[in-house]
Amino acid sequence: MAKFPFTTRDVTLMAAFLALLMVTEVVWVLGTVVGNFVYGILFGAVLIIAAIVVGKKYTILTLGIVKTIIELFFAPMYGGTLMALSYLAGAIVLEAILQLSEPYAASNKMNIIGATLYAFSNRLASMLILIFIYGMTLPGYIIVAYIVINMVTFAIGGFLGNKIGIKVKGTLESV
């Protein structure tokens, strides 16, 4: 029998970070243009903070699986139910990058690269779903802009998440 690697404290922290990830979805009320810029920064920061604070392998993958399951029940307004799979695609890539740094999520550079590649794989998966499954026709420049803007904002979010995550982890460990 496989042993669950997370303690009750870890699960509680991941639940709090999952709630924060769900709250970041509220930025879309600002509109598509502003939402794209703000969303990447907030979502990327929360992901990296969660990885640093929990500090155990499979944290991001677990959050990605749960977020995907939740999003499958609440179809996103743009793209339909299958768009939820893009969260899982991003989580798999970010988890792989974070596991390359020893200890888990300890390298600022790897955290930023991971957040950037999360955005790339997440947005690429969502574009592929829109184009090949739902049959949307999108101009190439829209696809490229959508992916590049999110890669930049997630990189900023990864940088901020690293700085904040170190402080939050230090505060939690001192309590």
C-alpha atoms as a PDB file:
ATOM      1  CA  MET A   1       0.000   0.000   0.000  1.00  0.00           C
ATOM      2  CA  ALA A   2       1.306   3.447  -0.939  1.00  0.00           C
ATOM      3  CA  LYS A   3       1.786   5.904   1.888  1.00  0.00           C
ATOM      4  CA  PHE A   4       0.275   9.354   1.472  1.00  0.00           C
ATOM      5  CA  PRO A   5       3.283  11.729   1.619  1.00  0.00           C
ATOM      6  CA  PHE A   6       1.475  14.721   3.126  1.00  0.00           C
ATOM      7  CA  THR A   7       0.764  15.423   6.793  1.00  0.00           C
ATOM      8  CA  THR A   8      -2.448  17.001   8.035  1.00  0.00           C
ATOM      9  CA  ARG A   9      -0.621  20.342   8.163  1.00  0.00           C
ATOM     10  CA  ASP A  10       0.450  19.969   4.531  1.00  0.00           C
ATOM     11  CA  VAL A  11      -3.071  19.121   3.390  1.00  0.00           C
ATOM     12  CA  THR A  12      -4.433  22.110   5.284  1.00  0.00           C
ATOM     13  CA  LEU A  13      -1.872  24.414   3.684  1.00  0.00           C
ATOM     14  CA  MET A  14      -2.642  23.006   0.234  1.00  0.00           C
ATOM     15  CA  ALA A  15      -6.361  23.565   0.828  1.00  0.00           C
ATOM     16  CA  ALA A  16      -5.627  27.193   1.695  1.00  0.00           C
ATOM     17  CA  PHE A  17      -3.521  27.600  -1.448  1.00  0.00           C
ATOM     18  CA  LEU A  18      -6.212  25.927  -3.541  1.00  0.00           C
ATOM     19  CA  ALA A  19      -8.672  28.481  -2.170  1.00  0.00           C
ATOM     20  CA  LEU A  20      -6.243  31.254  -3.163  1.00  0.00           C
ATOM     21  CA  LEU A  21      -5.958  29.781  -6.665  1.00  0.00           C
ATOM     22  CA  MET A  22      -9.743  29.819  -6.933  1.00  0.00           C
ATOM     23  CA  VAL A  23      -9.862  33.439  -5.736  1.00  0.00           C
ATOM     24  CA  THR A  24      -7.390  34.504  -8.435  1.00  0.00           C
ATOM     25  CA  GLU A  25     -10.051  33.616 -11.011  1.00  0.00           C
ATOM     26  CA  VAL A  26     -11.946  36.720  -9.864  1.00  0.00           C
ATOM     27  CA  VAL A  27      -9.523  38.968 -11.776  1.00  0.00           C
ATOM     28  CA  TRP A  28     -11.401  38.137 -14.974  1.00  0.00           C
ATOM     29  CA  VAL A  29     -14.108  40.613 -13.910  1.00  0.00           C
ATOM     30  CA  LEU A  30     -11.577  43.297 -14.863  1.00  0.00           C
ATOM     31  CA  GLY A  31     -11.922  42.229 -18.498  1.00  0.00           C
ATOM     32  CA  THR A  32      -9.930  40.070 -20.829  1.00  0.00           C
ATOM     33  CA  VAL A  33      -7.050  42.456 -21.440  1.00  0.00           C
ATOM     34  CA  VAL A  34      -6.406  43.469 -17.817  1.00  0.00           C
ATOM     35  CA  GLY A  35      -7.309  39.981 -16.600  1.00  0.00           C
ATOM     36  CA  ASN A  36      -4.606  38.357 -18.737  1.00  0.00           C
ATOM     37  CA  PHE A  37      -1.921  40.525 -17.173  1.00  0.00           C
ATOM     38  CA  VAL A  38      -3.077  40.336 -13.554  1.00  0.00           C
ATOM     39  CA  TYR A  39      -4.074  36.657 -13.633  1.00  0.00           C
ATOM     40  CA  GLY A  40      -0.632  35.376 -14.587  1.00  0.00           C
ATOM     41  CA  ILE A  41       1.093  37.337 -11.862  1.00  0.00           C
ATOM     42  CA  LEU A  42      -1.318  36.251  -9.130  1.00  0.00           C
ATOM     43  CA  PHE A  43      -1.733  32.630 -10.204  1.00  0.00           C
ATOM     44  CA  GLY A  44       1.998  32.139 -10.783  1.00  0.00           C
ATOM     45  CA  ALA A  45       2.844  33.678  -7.415  1.00  0.00           C
ATOM     46  CA  VAL A  46       0.371  31.480  -5.537  1.00  0.00           C
ATOM     47  CA  LEU A  47       1.707  28.335  -7.226  1.00  0.00           C
ATOM     48  CA  ILE A  48       5.314  29.089  -6.296  1.00  0.00           C
ATOM     49  CA  ILE A  49       4.388  30.189  -2.764  1.00  0.00           C
ATOM     50  CA  ALA A  50       2.509  26.907  -2.286  1.00  0.00           C
ATOM     51  CA  ALA A  51       5.488  24.893  -3.527  1.00  0.00           C
ATOM     52  CA  ILE A  52       7.899  26.708  -1.208  1.00  0.00           C
ATOM     53  CA  VAL A  53       5.691  26.737   1.888  1.00  0.00           C
ATOM     54  CA  VAL A  54       4.546  23.099   1.694  1.00  0.00           C
ATOM     55  CA  GLY A  55       7.984  22.107   0.423  1.00  0.00           C
ATOM     56  CA  LYS A  56       7.189  18.508  -0.510  1.00  0.00           C
ATOM     57  CA  LYS A  57       7.312  16.762  -3.848  1.00  0.00           C
ATOM     58  CA  TYR A  58       3.998  16.436  -5.670  1.00  0.00           C
ATOM     59  CA  THR A  59       2.519  19.557  -4.045  1.00  0.00           C
ATOM     60  CA  ILE A  60       1.886  21.280  -7.375  1.00  0.00           C
ATOM     61  CA  LEU A  61       0.736  18.076  -9.044  1.00  0.00           C
ATOM     62  CA  THR A  62      -1.773  17.495  -6.243  1.00  0.00           C
ATOM     63  CA  LEU A  63      -3.041  21.073  -6.518  1.00  0.00           C
ATOM     64  CA  GLY A  64      -3.249  20.697 -10.306  1.00  0.00           C
ATOM     65  CA  ILE A  65      -5.273  17.490 -10.087  1.00  0.00           C
ATOM     66  CA  VAL A  66      -7.719  18.955  -7.572  1.00  0.00           C
ATOM     67  CA  LYS A  67      -8.041  22.222  -9.537  1.00  0.00           C
ATOM     68  CA  THR A  68      -8.699  20.228 -12.720  1.00  0.00           C
ATOM     69  CA  ILE A  69     -11.401  18.157 -11.025  1.00  0.00           C
ATOM     70  CA  ILE A  70     -13.067  21.291  -9.665  1.00  0.00           C
ATOM     71  CA  GLU A  71     -12.926  23.025 -13.046  1.00  0.00           C
ATOM     72  CA  LEU A  72     -14.434  19.977 -14.756  1.00  0.00           C
ATOM     73  CA  PHE A  73     -17.579  20.570 -12.703  1.00  0.00           C
ATOM     74  CA  PHE A  74     -17.679  24.311 -13.376  1.00  0.00           C
ATOM     75  CA  ALA A  75     -17.053  24.711 -17.078  1.00  0.00           C
ATOM     76  CA  PRO A  76     -15.037  27.863 -17.779  1.00  0.00           C
ATOM     77  CA  MET A  77     -17.002  30.550 -19.541  1.00  0.00           C
ATOM     78  CA  TYR A  78     -14.559  30.572 -22.434  1.00  0.00           C
ATOM     79  CA  GLY A  79     -13.598  27.232 -23.872  1.00  0.00           C
ATOM     80  CA  GLY A  80     -15.886  24.686 -22.298  1.00  0.00           C
ATOM     81  CA  THR A  81     -15.388  21.859 -19.869  1.00  0.00           C
ATOM     82  CA  LEU A  82     -12.281  20.325 -21.407  1.00  0.00           C
ATOM     83  CA  MET A  83     -10.340  23.548 -20.838  1.00  0.00           C
ATOM     84  CA  ALA A  84      -9.874  22.279 -17.275  1.00  0.00           C
ATOM     85  CA  LEU A  85      -7.275  19.855 -18.613  1.00  0.00           C
ATOM     86  CA  SER A  86      -4.956  22.782 -19.272  1.00  0.00           C
ATOM     87  CA  TYR A  87      -4.468  23.177 -15.489  1.00  0.00           C
ATOM     88  CA  LEU A  88      -3.274  19.595 -15.293  1.00  0.00           C
ATOM     89  CA  ALA A  89      -0.915  20.083 -18.255  1.00  0.00           C
ATOM     90  CA  GLY A  90       0.677  23.078 -16.548  1.00  0.00           C
ATOM     91  CA  ALA A  91       0.893  21.332 -13.177  1.00  0.00           C
ATOM     92  CA  ILE A  92       2.723  18.342 -14.660  1.00  0.00           C
ATOM     93  CA  VAL A  93       5.352  20.581 -16.256  1.00  0.00           C
ATOM     94  CA  LEU A  94       5.806  22.792 -13.180  1.00  0.00           C
ATOM     95  CA  GLU A  95       6.076  19.753 -10.898  1.00  0.00           C
ATOM     96  CA  ALA A  96       8.790  18.270 -13.124  1.00  0.00           C
ATOM     97  CA  ILE A  97      10.777  21.530 -13.084  1.00  0.00           C
ATOM     98  CA  LEU A  98      10.457  21.988  -9.315  1.00  0.00           C
ATOM     99  CA  GLN A  99      11.634  18.440  -8.662  1.00  0.00           C
ATOM    100  CA  LEU A 100      14.841  19.209 -10.554  1.00  0.00           C
ATOM    101  CA  SER A 101      15.853  21.702  -7.868  1.00  0.00           C
ATOM    102  CA  GLU A 102      17.118  20.173  -4.632  1.00  0.00           C
ATOM    103  CA  PRO A 103      15.497  20.658  -2.191  1.00  0.00           C
ATOM    104  CA  TYR A 104      12.062  20.982  -3.765  1.00  0.00           C
ATOM    105  CA  ALA A 105      11.322  24.520  -5.054  1.00  0.00           C
ATOM    106  CA  ALA A 106      14.471  25.954  -3.470  1.00  0.00           C
ATOM    107  CA  SER A 107      15.997  27.616  -6.545  1.00  0.00           C
ATOM    108  CA  ASN A 108      14.800  31.075  -7.553  1.00  0.00           C
ATOM    109  CA  LYS A 109      15.845  30.441 -11.158  1.00  0.00           C
ATOM    110  CA  MET A 110      14.037  27.096 -11.346  1.00  0.00           C
ATOM    111  CA  ASN A 111      10.905  28.606  -9.777  1.00  0.00           C
ATOM    112  CA  ILE A 112      10.791  31.352 -12.398  1.00  0.00           C
ATOM    113  CA  ILE A 113      11.512  28.915 -15.237  1.00  0.00           C
ATOM    114  CA  GLY A 114       8.876  26.552 -13.852  1.00  0.00           C
ATOM    115  CA  ALA A 115       6.231  29.272 -13.643  1.00  0.00           C
ATOM    116  CA  THR A 116       7.058  30.371 -17.186  1.00  0.00           C
ATOM    117  CA  LEU A 117       6.820  26.829 -18.524  1.00  0.00           C
ATOM    118  CA  TYR A 118       3.588  26.326 -16.557  1.00  0.00           C
ATOM    119  CA  ALA A 119       2.128  29.242 -18.507  1.00  0.00           C
ATOM    120  CA  PHE A 120       3.451  27.905 -21.804  1.00  0.00           C
ATOM    121  CA  SER A 121       2.086  24.401 -21.358  1.00  0.00           C
ATOM    122  CA  ASN A 122      -1.194  25.599 -19.805  1.00  0.00           C
ATOM    123  CA  ARG A 123      -1.914  28.073 -22.583  1.00  0.00           C
ATOM    124  CA  LEU A 124      -0.699  25.777 -25.337  1.00  0.00           C
ATOM    125  CA  ALA A 125      -2.979  23.014 -24.059  1.00  0.00           C
ATOM    126  CA  SER A 126      -5.931  25.403 -23.882  1.00  0.00           C
ATOM    127  CA  MET A 127      -5.284  26.644 -27.425  1.00  0.00           C
ATOM    128  CA  LEU A 128      -4.992  23.089 -28.742  1.00  0.00           C
ATOM    129  CA  ILE A 129      -8.273  22.174 -27.044  1.00  0.00           C
ATOM    130  CA  LEU A 130     -10.000  25.219 -28.513  1.00  0.00           C
ATOM    131  CA  ILE A 131      -8.684  24.620 -32.011  1.00  0.00           C
ATOM    132  CA  PHE A 132      -8.729  20.848 -32.384  1.00  0.00           C
ATOM    133  CA  ILE A 133     -11.550  19.736 -30.085  1.00  0.00           C
ATOM    134  CA  TYR A 134     -13.943  22.671 -30.240  1.00  0.00           C
ATOM    135  CA  GLY A 135     -13.058  23.653 -33.815  1.00  0.00           C
ATOM    136  CA  MET A 136     -12.381  27.354 -33.238  1.00  0.00           C
ATOM    137  CA  THR A 137     -10.454  29.251 -35.866  1.00  0.00           C
ATOM    138  CA  LEU A 138      -7.980  31.657 -34.302  1.00  0.00           C
ATOM    139  CA  PRO A 139      -5.389  33.848 -36.052  1.00  0.00           C
ATOM    140  CA  GLY A 140      -1.787  32.889 -35.380  1.00  0.00           C
ATOM    141  CA  TYR A 141      -0.894  36.252 -33.845  1.00  0.00           C
ATOM    142  CA  ILE A 142      -3.661  35.870 -31.253  1.00  0.00           C
ATOM    143  CA  ILE A 143      -2.373  32.448 -30.259  1.00  0.00           C
ATOM    144  CA  VAL A 144       1.223  33.673 -29.990  1.00  0.00           C
ATOM    145  CA  ALA A 145       0.233  36.810 -28.059  1.00  0.00           C
ATOM    146  CA  TYR A 146      -1.940  34.796 -25.687  1.00  0.00           C
ATOM    147  CA  ILE A 147       0.904  32.413 -24.894  1.00  0.00           C
ATOM    148  CA  VAL A 148       3.715  35.005 -24.719  1.00  0.00           C
ATOM    149  CA  ILE A 149       1.817  37.487 -22.525  1.00  0.00           C
ATOM    150  CA  ASN A 150       1.027  34.735 -20.059  1.00  0.00           C
ATOM    151  CA  MET A 151       4.598  33.468 -20.058  1.00  0.00           C
ATOM    152  CA  VAL A 152       5.842  36.950 -19.123  1.00  0.00           C
ATOM    153  CA  THR A 153       3.232  37.504 -16.419  1.00  0.00           C
ATOM    154  CA  PHE A 154       3.728  34.026 -14.938  1.00  0.00           C
ATOM    155  CA  ALA A 155       7.493  34.669 -14.843  1.00  0.00           C
ATOM    156  CA  ILE A 156       6.815  37.839 -12.855  1.00  0.00           C
ATOM    157  CA  GLY A 157       4.465  35.853 -10.634  1.00  0.00           C
ATOM    158  CA  GLY A 158       7.133  33.174 -10.154  1.00  0.00           C
ATOM    159  CA  PHE A 159       9.672  35.810  -9.115  1.00  0.00           C
ATOM    160  CA  LEU A 160       7.270  37.452  -6.661  1.00  0.00           C
ATOM    161  CA  GLY A 161       6.078  34.063  -5.416  1.00  0.00           C
ATOM    162  CA  ASN A 162       9.646  33.051  -4.660  1.00  0.00           C
ATOM    163  CA  LYS A 163      10.290  36.193  -2.620  1.00  0.00           C
ATOM    164  CA  ILE A 164       6.981  35.992  -0.746  1.00  0.00           C
ATOM    165  CA  GLY A 165       7.179  32.207  -0.316  1.00  0.00           C
ATOM    166  CA  ILE A 166      10.534  32.391   1.441  1.00  0.00           C
ATOM    167  CA  LYS A 167       9.168  34.974   3.872  1.00  0.00           C
ATOM    168  CA  VAL A 168       5.940  33.055   4.499  1.00  0.00           C
ATOM    169  CA  LYS A 169       7.836  29.804   5.069  1.00  0.00           C
ATOM    170  CA  GLY A 170      10.172  31.520   7.500  1.00  0.00           C
ATOM    171  CA  THR A 171       7.224  33.000   9.368  1.00  0.00           C
ATOM    172  CA  LEU A 172       5.380  29.667   9.554  1.00  0.00           C
ATOM    173  CA  GLU A 173       8.481  27.846  10.763  1.00  0.00           C
ATOM    174  CA  SER A 174       9.081  30.412  13.509  1.00  0.00           C
ATOM    175  CA  VAL A 175       5.574  29.998  14.905  1.00  0.00           C
END
